[in-house]
Amino acid sequence: MSATHRIRIRLFAQARDILGTGEIYVDCDGPASAGELRSRLADLHPDLAPLLSRSALAVNLEYVDDARPVKPGDEVAVVPPVAGG
């Protein structure tokens, strides 16, 4: 039996605008990768799904690929692409 743990997710820019908050929590039934967390977020928040596929994820202030494990206590950030010049 695996324990459920809660992951804190910080949202920036357009992701924050879509959900109307800068922080959400996602409960996981066990260890998850950043990619699995990205998929879970898309399932929980369909309006965010198109942006998630283009966004970077950071775990504990470090950009990561989808294979990176996310552990209880880690802070995850969704960082949408930035335009500018």
C-alpha atoms as a PDB file:
ATOM      1  CA  MET A   1       0.000   0.000   0.000  1.00  0.00           C
ATOM      2  CA  SER A   2       1.525   3.318  -1.029  1.00  0.00           C
ATOM      3  CA  ALA A   3       0.898   6.521   0.843  1.00  0.00           C
ATOM      4  CA  THR A   4      -0.727   9.506  -0.769  1.00  0.00           C
ATOM      5  CA  HIS A   5       1.396  12.617  -0.790  1.00  0.00           C
ATOM      6  CA  ARG A   6       0.658  16.179  -1.769  1.00  0.00           C
ATOM      7  CA  ILE A   7       2.782  18.105  -4.266  1.00  0.00           C
ATOM      8  CA  ARG A   8       2.801  21.901  -4.229  1.00  0.00           C
ATOM      9  CA  ILE A   9       2.690  23.403  -7.711  1.00  0.00           C
ATOM     10  CA  ARG A  10       3.404  27.053  -8.367  1.00  0.00           C
ATOM     11  CA  LEU A  11       1.893  28.635 -11.471  1.00  0.00           C
ATOM     12  CA  PHE A  12       3.312  31.578 -13.368  1.00  0.00           C
ATOM     13  CA  ALA A  13       2.200  33.936 -16.140  1.00  0.00           C
ATOM     14  CA  GLN A  14      -0.536  32.503 -18.372  1.00  0.00           C
ATOM     15  CA  ALA A  15      -0.871  29.331 -16.247  1.00  0.00           C
ATOM     16  CA  ARG A  16      -1.712  31.511 -13.227  1.00  0.00           C
ATOM     17  CA  ASP A  17      -4.162  33.529 -15.320  1.00  0.00           C
ATOM     18  CA  ILE A  18      -5.968  30.409 -16.571  1.00  0.00           C
ATOM     19  CA  LEU A  19      -6.517  28.938 -13.108  1.00  0.00           C
ATOM     20  CA  GLY A  20      -6.867  32.246 -11.275  1.00  0.00           C
ATOM     21  CA  THR A  21      -4.299  31.318  -8.618  1.00  0.00           C
ATOM     22  CA  GLY A  22      -0.553  31.127  -8.246  1.00  0.00           C
ATOM     23  CA  GLU A  23      -0.489  27.864  -6.341  1.00  0.00           C
ATOM     24  CA  ILE A  24      -2.296  24.536  -6.375  1.00  0.00           C
ATOM     25  CA  TYR A  25      -1.769  21.148  -4.769  1.00  0.00           C
ATOM     26  CA  VAL A  26      -1.995  17.751  -6.433  1.00  0.00           C
ATOM     27  CA  ASP A  27      -2.325  14.507  -4.501  1.00  0.00           C
ATOM     28  CA  CYS A  28      -0.311  11.569  -5.818  1.00  0.00           C
ATOM     29  CA  ASP A  29      -0.798   7.947  -4.807  1.00  0.00           C
ATOM     30  CA  GLY A  30       2.916   7.258  -4.923  1.00  0.00           C
ATOM     31  CA  PRO A  31       6.111   8.314  -6.640  1.00  0.00           C
ATOM     32  CA  ALA A  32       5.569  10.226  -9.868  1.00  0.00           C
ATOM     33  CA  SER A  33       7.742  11.663 -12.586  1.00  0.00           C
ATOM     34  CA  ALA A  34       7.486  15.261 -13.738  1.00  0.00           C
ATOM     35  CA  GLY A  35       5.831  13.957 -16.935  1.00  0.00           C
ATOM     36  CA  GLU A  36       3.233  11.998 -14.965  1.00  0.00           C
ATOM     37  CA  LEU A  37       2.543  15.084 -12.897  1.00  0.00           C
ATOM     38  CA  ARG A  38       2.161  17.126 -16.108  1.00  0.00           C
ATOM     39  CA  SER A  39      -0.411  14.570 -17.370  1.00  0.00           C
ATOM     40  CA  ARG A  40      -2.264  14.586 -14.052  1.00  0.00           C
ATOM     41  CA  LEU A  41      -2.453  18.382 -14.131  1.00  0.00           C
ATOM     42  CA  ALA A  42      -3.872  18.251 -17.668  1.00  0.00           C
ATOM     43  CA  ASP A  43      -6.520  15.741 -16.526  1.00  0.00           C
ATOM     44  CA  LEU A  44      -7.464  17.802 -13.466  1.00  0.00           C
ATOM     45  CA  HIS A  45      -7.440  21.152 -15.298  1.00  0.00           C
ATOM     46  CA  PRO A  46      -8.346  20.655 -19.002  1.00  0.00           C
ATOM     47  CA  ASP A  47      -8.178  24.411 -19.667  1.00  0.00           C
ATOM     48  CA  LEU A  48      -4.509  24.279 -18.745  1.00  0.00           C
ATOM     49  CA  ALA A  49      -3.675  21.230 -20.908  1.00  0.00           C
ATOM     50  CA  PRO A  50      -2.704  23.052 -24.150  1.00  0.00           C
ATOM     51  CA  LEU A  51      -0.328  25.321 -22.256  1.00  0.00           C
ATOM     52  CA  LEU A  52       1.231  22.484 -20.245  1.00  0.00           C
ATOM     53  CA  SER A  53       2.566  20.788 -23.364  1.00  0.00           C
ATOM     54  CA  ARG A  54       4.567  23.941 -24.165  1.00  0.00           C
ATOM     55  CA  SER A  55       5.588  24.812 -20.604  1.00  0.00           C
ATOM     56  CA  ALA A  56       8.783  24.012 -18.767  1.00  0.00           C
ATOM     57  CA  LEU A  57       8.624  22.322 -15.386  1.00  0.00           C
ATOM     58  CA  ALA A  58      11.019  23.145 -12.595  1.00  0.00           C
ATOM     59  CA  VAL A  59      11.505  21.042  -9.481  1.00  0.00           C
ATOM     60  CA  ASN A  60      13.111  22.775  -6.518  1.00  0.00           C
ATOM     61  CA  LEU A  61      14.136  25.733  -8.707  1.00  0.00           C
ATOM     62  CA  GLU A  62      15.799  23.565 -11.371  1.00  0.00           C
ATOM     63  CA  TYR A  63      14.387  22.977 -14.851  1.00  0.00           C
ATOM     64  CA  VAL A  64      13.811  19.254 -15.384  1.00  0.00           C
ATOM     65  CA  ASP A  65      12.779  16.829 -18.092  1.00  0.00           C
ATOM     66  CA  ASP A  66       9.680  14.671 -17.807  1.00  0.00           C
ATOM     67  CA  ALA A  67      11.651  11.686 -16.461  1.00  0.00           C
ATOM     68  CA  ARG A  68      12.685  13.505 -13.265  1.00  0.00           C
ATOM     69  CA  PRO A  69      11.135  11.907 -10.154  1.00  0.00           C
ATOM     70  CA  VAL A  70       9.036  14.196  -7.973  1.00  0.00           C
ATOM     71  CA  LYS A  71       9.125  13.375  -4.280  1.00  0.00           C
ATOM     72  CA  PRO A  72       6.995  14.488  -1.327  1.00  0.00           C
ATOM     73  CA  GLY A  73       8.130  17.933  -0.258  1.00  0.00           C
ATOM     74  CA  ASP A  74       9.389  18.932  -3.709  1.00  0.00           C
ATOM     75  CA  GLU A  75       8.147  22.224  -5.089  1.00  0.00           C
ATOM     76  CA  VAL A  76       7.129  22.105  -8.738  1.00  0.00           C
ATOM     77  CA  ALA A  77       6.721  25.188 -10.917  1.00  0.00           C
ATOM     78  CA  VAL A  78       4.922  25.447 -14.246  1.00  0.00           C
ATOM     79  CA  VAL A  79       6.775  28.017 -16.364  1.00  0.00           C
ATOM     80  CA  PRO A  80       4.961  28.882 -19.608  1.00  0.00           C
ATOM     81  CA  PRO A  81       6.927  30.059 -22.636  1.00  0.00           C
ATOM     82  CA  VAL A  82       7.810  33.730 -22.572  1.00  0.00           C
ATOM     83  CA  ALA A  83       7.595  36.034 -25.559  1.00  0.00           C
ATOM     84  CA  GLY A  84       9.401  39.284 -25.776  1.00  0.00           C
ATOM     85  CA  GLY A  85      12.067  41.162 -27.516  1.00  0.00           C
END
